[in-house]
Amino acid sequence: MSFPRKIYEFLKKGSEAYGKWDYEVSMNIIRNPKRLLIIIFILLLILLIMFIRGEL
């Protein structure tokens, strides 16, 4: 196998591992009601600040 092909395979496996990890973390947040409420609260704060500043 050539050197560029080895680099390609290495980067491909790395991106697949990152995708699996990212999906696992996202599902962990969605399944946990406490974490989901924290995310929703932060989103509402951002929207409120944008509305107050007139950017929404």
PDB file of N, CA and C in Angstrom:
ATOM      1  N   MET A   1       0.842  -1.164   0.000  1.00  0.00           N
ATOM      2  CA  MET A   1       0.000   0.000   0.000  1.00  0.00           C
ATOM      3  C   MET A   1       0.901   1.245   0.000  1.00  0.00           C
ATOM      4  N   SER A   2       0.552   2.222  -0.823  1.00  0.00           N
ATOM      5  CA  SER A   2       1.378   3.421  -0.927  1.00  0.00           C
ATOM      6  C   SER A   2       1.177   4.335   0.288  1.00  0.00           C
ATOM      7  N   PHE A   3       2.114   5.235   0.446  1.00  0.00           N
ATOM      8  CA  PHE A   3       2.072   6.142   1.591  1.00  0.00           C
ATOM      9  C   PHE A   3       0.815   7.017   1.603  1.00  0.00           C
ATOM     10  N   PRO A   4       0.434   7.649   0.463  1.00  0.00           N
ATOM     11  CA  PRO A   4      -0.798   8.448   0.478  1.00  0.00           C
ATOM     12  C   PRO A   4      -2.040   7.610   0.817  1.00  0.00           C
ATOM     13  N   ARG A   5      -2.055   6.363   0.360  1.00  0.00           N
ATOM     14  CA  ARG A   5      -3.190   5.492   0.667  1.00  0.00           C
ATOM     15  C   ARG A   5      -3.246   5.187   2.167  1.00  0.00           C
ATOM     16  N   LYS A   6      -2.085   5.001   2.806  1.00  0.00           N
ATOM     17  CA  LYS A   6      -2.040   4.762   4.249  1.00  0.00           C
ATOM     18  C   LYS A   6      -2.556   5.979   5.011  1.00  0.00           C
ATOM     19  N   ILE A   7      -2.162   7.158   4.552  1.00  0.00           N
ATOM     20  CA  ILE A   7      -2.650   8.381   5.195  1.00  0.00           C
ATOM     21  C   ILE A   7      -4.170   8.474   5.044  1.00  0.00           C
ATOM     22  N   TYR A   8      -4.668   8.177   3.849  1.00  0.00           N
ATOM     23  CA  TYR A   8      -6.112   8.209   3.607  1.00  0.00           C
ATOM     24  C   TYR A   8      -6.849   7.254   4.545  1.00  0.00           C
ATOM     25  N   GLU A   9      -6.350   6.030   4.672  1.00  0.00           N
ATOM     26  CA  GLU A   9      -6.996   5.036   5.540  1.00  0.00           C
ATOM     27  C   GLU A   9      -6.961   5.492   7.008  1.00  0.00           C
ATOM     28  N   PHE A  10      -5.827   6.074   7.423  1.00  0.00           N
ATOM     29  CA  PHE A  10      -5.689   6.564   8.788  1.00  0.00           C
ATOM     30  C   PHE A  10      -6.705   7.676   9.062  1.00  0.00           C
ATOM     31  N   LEU A  11      -6.807   8.641   8.156  1.00  0.00           N
ATOM     32  CA  LEU A  11      -7.754   9.742   8.331  1.00  0.00           C
ATOM     33  C   LEU A  11      -9.197   9.262   8.266  1.00  0.00           C
ATOM     34  N   LYS A  12      -9.468   8.272   7.425  1.00  0.00           N
ATOM     35  CA  LYS A  12     -10.818   7.726   7.310  1.00  0.00           C
ATOM     36  C   LYS A  12     -11.237   7.055   8.623  1.00  0.00           C
ATOM     37  N   LYS A  13     -10.354   6.250   9.187  1.00  0.00           N
ATOM     38  CA  LYS A  13     -10.670   5.585  10.463  1.00  0.00           C
ATOM     39  C   LYS A  13     -10.827   6.596  11.590  1.00  0.00           C
ATOM     40  N   GLY A  14     -10.018   7.633  11.564  1.00  0.00           N
ATOM     41  CA  GLY A  14     -10.129   8.681  12.575  1.00  0.00           C
ATOM     42  C   GLY A  14     -11.454   9.417  12.480  1.00  0.00           C
ATOM     43  N   SER A  15     -11.889   9.717  11.271  1.00  0.00           N
ATOM     44  CA  SER A  15     -13.163  10.423  11.111  1.00  0.00           C
ATOM     45  C   SER A  15     -14.337   9.526  11.482  1.00  0.00           C
ATOM     46  N   GLU A  16     -14.248   8.241  11.200  1.00  0.00           N
ATOM     47  CA  GLU A  16     -15.303   7.314  11.605  1.00  0.00           C
ATOM     48  C   GLU A  16     -15.388   7.212  13.129  1.00  0.00           C
ATOM     49  N   ALA A  17     -14.238   7.148  13.792  1.00  0.00           N
ATOM     50  CA  ALA A  17     -14.216   7.070  15.259  1.00  0.00           C
ATOM     51  C   ALA A  17     -14.782   8.353  15.860  1.00  0.00           C
ATOM     52  N   TYR A  18     -14.436   9.494  15.278  1.00  0.00           N
ATOM     53  CA  TYR A  18     -14.962  10.760  15.783  1.00  0.00           C
ATOM     54  C   TYR A  18     -16.479  10.830  15.579  1.00  0.00           C
ATOM     55  N   GLY A  19     -16.955  10.368  14.443  1.00  0.00           N
ATOM     56  CA  GLY A  19     -18.395  10.361  14.173  1.00  0.00           C
ATOM     57  C   GLY A  19     -19.152   9.498  15.171  1.00  0.00           C
ATOM     58  N   LYS A  20     -18.617   8.329  15.479  1.00  0.00           N
ATOM     59  CA  LYS A  20     -19.258   7.457  16.467  1.00  0.00           C
ATOM     60  C   LYS A  20     -19.265   8.114  17.847  1.00  0.00           C
ATOM     61  N   TRP A  21     -18.145   8.732  18.227  1.00  0.00           N
ATOM     62  CA  TRP A  21     -18.062   9.390  19.522  1.00  0.00           C
ATOM     63  C   TRP A  21     -19.039  10.563  19.595  1.00  0.00           C
ATOM     64  N   ASP A  22     -19.097  11.363  18.546  1.00  0.00           N
ATOM     65  CA  ASP A  22     -19.985  12.517  18.517  1.00  0.00           C
ATOM     66  C   ASP A  22     -21.444  12.078  18.627  1.00  0.00           C
ATOM     67  N   TYR A  23     -21.807  11.035  17.916  1.00  0.00           N
ATOM     68  CA  TYR A  23     -23.176  10.517  17.980  1.00  0.00           C
ATOM     69  C   TYR A  23     -23.496  10.004  19.384  1.00  0.00           C
ATOM     70  N   GLU A  24     -22.556   9.306  19.979  1.00  0.00           N
ATOM     71  CA  GLU A  24     -22.763   8.765  21.331  1.00  0.00           C
ATOM     72  C   GLU A  24     -22.969   9.883  22.351  1.00  0.00           C
ATOM     73  N   VAL A  25     -22.172  10.936  22.255  1.00  0.00           N
ATOM     74  CA  VAL A  25     -22.302  12.060  23.180  1.00  0.00           C
ATOM     75  C   VAL A  25     -23.637  12.775  22.961  1.00  0.00           C
ATOM     76  N   SER A  26     -24.013  12.977  21.710  1.00  0.00           N
ATOM     77  CA  SER A  26     -25.282  13.642  21.410  1.00  0.00           C
ATOM     78  C   SER A  26     -26.466  12.843  21.942  1.00  0.00           C
ATOM     79  N   MET A  27     -26.447  11.555  21.745  1.00  0.00           N
ATOM     80  CA  MET A  27     -27.548  10.726  22.237  1.00  0.00           C
ATOM     81  C   MET A  27     -27.564  10.693  23.763  1.00  0.00           C
ATOM     82  N   ASN A  28     -26.392  10.746  24.380  1.00  0.00           N
ATOM     83  CA  ASN A  28     -26.315  10.781  25.840  1.00  0.00           C
ATOM     84  C   ASN A  28     -26.973  12.055  26.370  1.00  0.00           C
ATOM     85  N   ILE A  29     -26.758  13.178  25.702  1.00  0.00           N
ATOM     86  CA  ILE A  29     -27.374  14.436  26.118  1.00  0.00           C
ATOM     87  C   ILE A  29     -28.885  14.380  25.921  1.00  0.00           C
ATOM     88  N   ILE A  30     -29.330  13.847  24.792  1.00  0.00           N
ATOM     89  CA  ILE A  30     -30.762  13.793  24.503  1.00  0.00           C
ATOM     90  C   ILE A  30     -31.484  12.842  25.455  1.00  0.00           C
ATOM     91  N   ARG A  31     -30.876  11.742  25.816  1.00  0.00           N
ATOM     92  CA  ARG A  31     -31.517  10.748  26.689  1.00  0.00           C
ATOM     93  C   ARG A  31     -31.554  11.173  28.149  1.00  0.00           C
ATOM     94  N   ASN A  32     -30.662  12.061  28.548  1.00  0.00           N
ATOM     95  CA  ASN A  32     -30.586  12.487  29.943  1.00  0.00           C
ATOM     96  C   ASN A  32     -31.419  13.758  30.107  1.00  0.00           C
ATOM     97  N   PRO A  33     -32.557  13.688  30.812  1.00  0.00           N
ATOM     98  CA  PRO A  33     -33.440  14.860  30.932  1.00  0.00           C
ATOM     99  C   PRO A  33     -32.770  16.074  31.579  1.00  0.00           C
ATOM    100  N   LYS A  34     -31.892  15.849  32.542  1.00  0.00           N
ATOM    101  CA  LYS A  34     -31.222  16.965  33.210  1.00  0.00           C
ATOM    102  C   LYS A  34     -30.336  17.728  32.229  1.00  0.00           C
ATOM    103  N   ARG A  35     -29.575  17.013  31.451  1.00  0.00           N
ATOM    104  CA  ARG A  35     -28.697  17.664  30.468  1.00  0.00           C
ATOM    105  C   ARG A  35     -29.507  18.351  29.381  1.00  0.00           C
ATOM    106  N   LEU A  36     -30.598  17.717  28.975  1.00  0.00           N
ATOM    107  CA  LEU A  36     -31.447  18.306  27.944  1.00  0.00           C
ATOM    108  C   LEU A  36     -32.062  19.609  28.444  1.00  0.00           C
ATOM    109  N   LEU A  37     -32.484  19.648  29.700  1.00  0.00           N
ATOM    110  CA  LEU A  37     -33.036  20.879  30.264  1.00  0.00           C
ATOM    111  C   LEU A  37     -31.985  21.982  30.332  1.00  0.00           C
ATOM    112  N   ILE A  38     -30.756  21.626  30.642  1.00  0.00           N
ATOM    113  CA  ILE A  38     -29.679  22.616  30.684  1.00  0.00           C
ATOM    114  C   ILE A  38     -29.461  23.209  29.294  1.00  0.00           C
ATOM    115  N   ILE A  39     -29.437  22.362  28.271  1.00  0.00           N
ATOM    116  CA  ILE A  39     -29.256  22.837  26.894  1.00  0.00           C
ATOM    117  C   ILE A  39     -30.411  23.743  26.486  1.00  0.00           C
ATOM    118  N   ILE A  40     -31.644  23.353  26.801  1.00  0.00           N
ATOM    119  CA  ILE A  40     -32.813  24.168  26.456  1.00  0.00           C
ATOM    120  C   ILE A  40     -32.762  25.505  27.195  1.00  0.00           C
ATOM    121  N   PHE A  41     -32.362  25.492  28.469  1.00  0.00           N
ATOM    122  CA  PHE A  41     -32.252  26.715  29.248  1.00  0.00           C
ATOM    123  C   PHE A  41     -31.222  27.668  28.630  1.00  0.00           C
ATOM    124  N   ILE A  42     -30.077  27.143  28.235  1.00  0.00           N
ATOM    125  CA  ILE A  42     -29.041  27.965  27.613  1.00  0.00           C
ATOM    126  C   ILE A  42     -29.558  28.546  26.296  1.00  0.00           C
ATOM    127  N   LEU A  43     -30.248  27.737  25.509  1.00  0.00           N
ATOM    128  CA  LEU A  43     -30.811  28.217  24.244  1.00  0.00           C
ATOM    129  C   LEU A  43     -31.820  29.335  24.482  1.00  0.00           C
ATOM    130  N   LEU A  44     -32.691  29.176  25.476  1.00  0.00           N
ATOM    131  CA  LEU A  44     -33.671  30.213  25.788  1.00  0.00           C
ATOM    132  C   LEU A  44     -33.000  31.499  26.249  1.00  0.00           C
ATOM    133  N   LEU A  45     -31.925  31.389  27.032  1.00  0.00           N
ATOM    134  CA  LEU A  45     -31.184  32.583  27.447  1.00  0.00           C
ATOM    135  C   LEU A  45     -30.594  33.318  26.244  1.00  0.00           C
ATOM    136  N   ILE A  46     -30.028  32.577  25.316  1.00  0.00           N
ATOM    137  CA  ILE A  46     -29.451  33.188  24.119  1.00  0.00           C
ATOM    138  C   ILE A  46     -30.535  33.889  23.315  1.00  0.00           C
ATOM    139  N   LEU A  47     -31.678  33.227  23.133  1.00  0.00           N
ATOM    140  CA  LEU A  47     -32.775  33.835  22.385  1.00  0.00           C
ATOM    141  C   LEU A  47     -33.305  35.074  23.095  1.00  0.00           C
ATOM    142  N   LEU A  48     -33.403  35.044  24.412  1.00  0.00           N
ATOM    143  CA  LEU A  48     -33.868  36.191  25.176  1.00  0.00           C
ATOM    144  C   LEU A  48     -32.917  37.373  25.022  1.00  0.00           C
ATOM    145  N   ILE A  49     -31.635  37.117  25.112  1.00  0.00           N
ATOM    146  CA  ILE A  49     -30.641  38.184  24.950  1.00  0.00           C
ATOM    147  C   ILE A  49     -30.708  38.763  23.543  1.00  0.00           C
ATOM    148  N   MET A  50     -30.850  37.905  22.539  1.00  0.00           N
ATOM    149  CA  MET A  50     -30.961  38.395  21.166  1.00  0.00           C
ATOM    150  C   MET A  50     -32.224  39.247  20.987  1.00  0.00           C
ATOM    151  N   PHE A  51     -33.319  38.835  21.609  1.00  0.00           N
ATOM    152  CA  PHE A  51     -34.569  39.573  21.500  1.00  0.00           C
ATOM    153  C   PHE A  51     -34.443  40.936  22.171  1.00  0.00           C
ATOM    154  N   ILE A  52     -33.812  40.976  23.347  1.00  0.00           N
ATOM    155  CA  ILE A  52     -33.624  42.236  24.072  1.00  0.00           C
ATOM    156  C   ILE A  52     -32.744  43.199  23.269  1.00  0.00           C
ATOM    157  N   ARG A  53     -31.700  42.682  22.648  1.00  0.00           N
ATOM    158  CA  ARG A  53     -30.798  43.532  21.866  1.00  0.00           C
ATOM    159  C   ARG A  53     -31.370  43.903  20.513  1.00  0.00           C
ATOM    160  N   GLY A  54     -32.474  43.279  20.123  1.00  0.00           N
ATOM    161  CA  GLY A  54     -33.106  43.606  18.846  1.00  0.00           C
ATOM    162  C   GLY A  54     -32.486  42.911  17.652  1.00  0.00           C
ATOM    163  N   GLU A  55     -31.806  41.808  17.873  1.00  0.00           N
ATOM    164  CA  GLU A  55     -31.159  41.084  16.784  1.00  0.00           C
ATOM    165  C   GLU A  55     -32.006  39.918  16.284  1.00  0.00           C
ATOM    166  N   LEU A  56     -33.157  39.740  16.883  1.00  0.00           N
ATOM    167  CA  LEU A  56     -33.998  38.595  16.494  1.00  0.00           C
ATOM    168  C   LEU A  56     -35.213  39.074  15.738  1.00  0.00           C
TER     169      LEU A  56
END
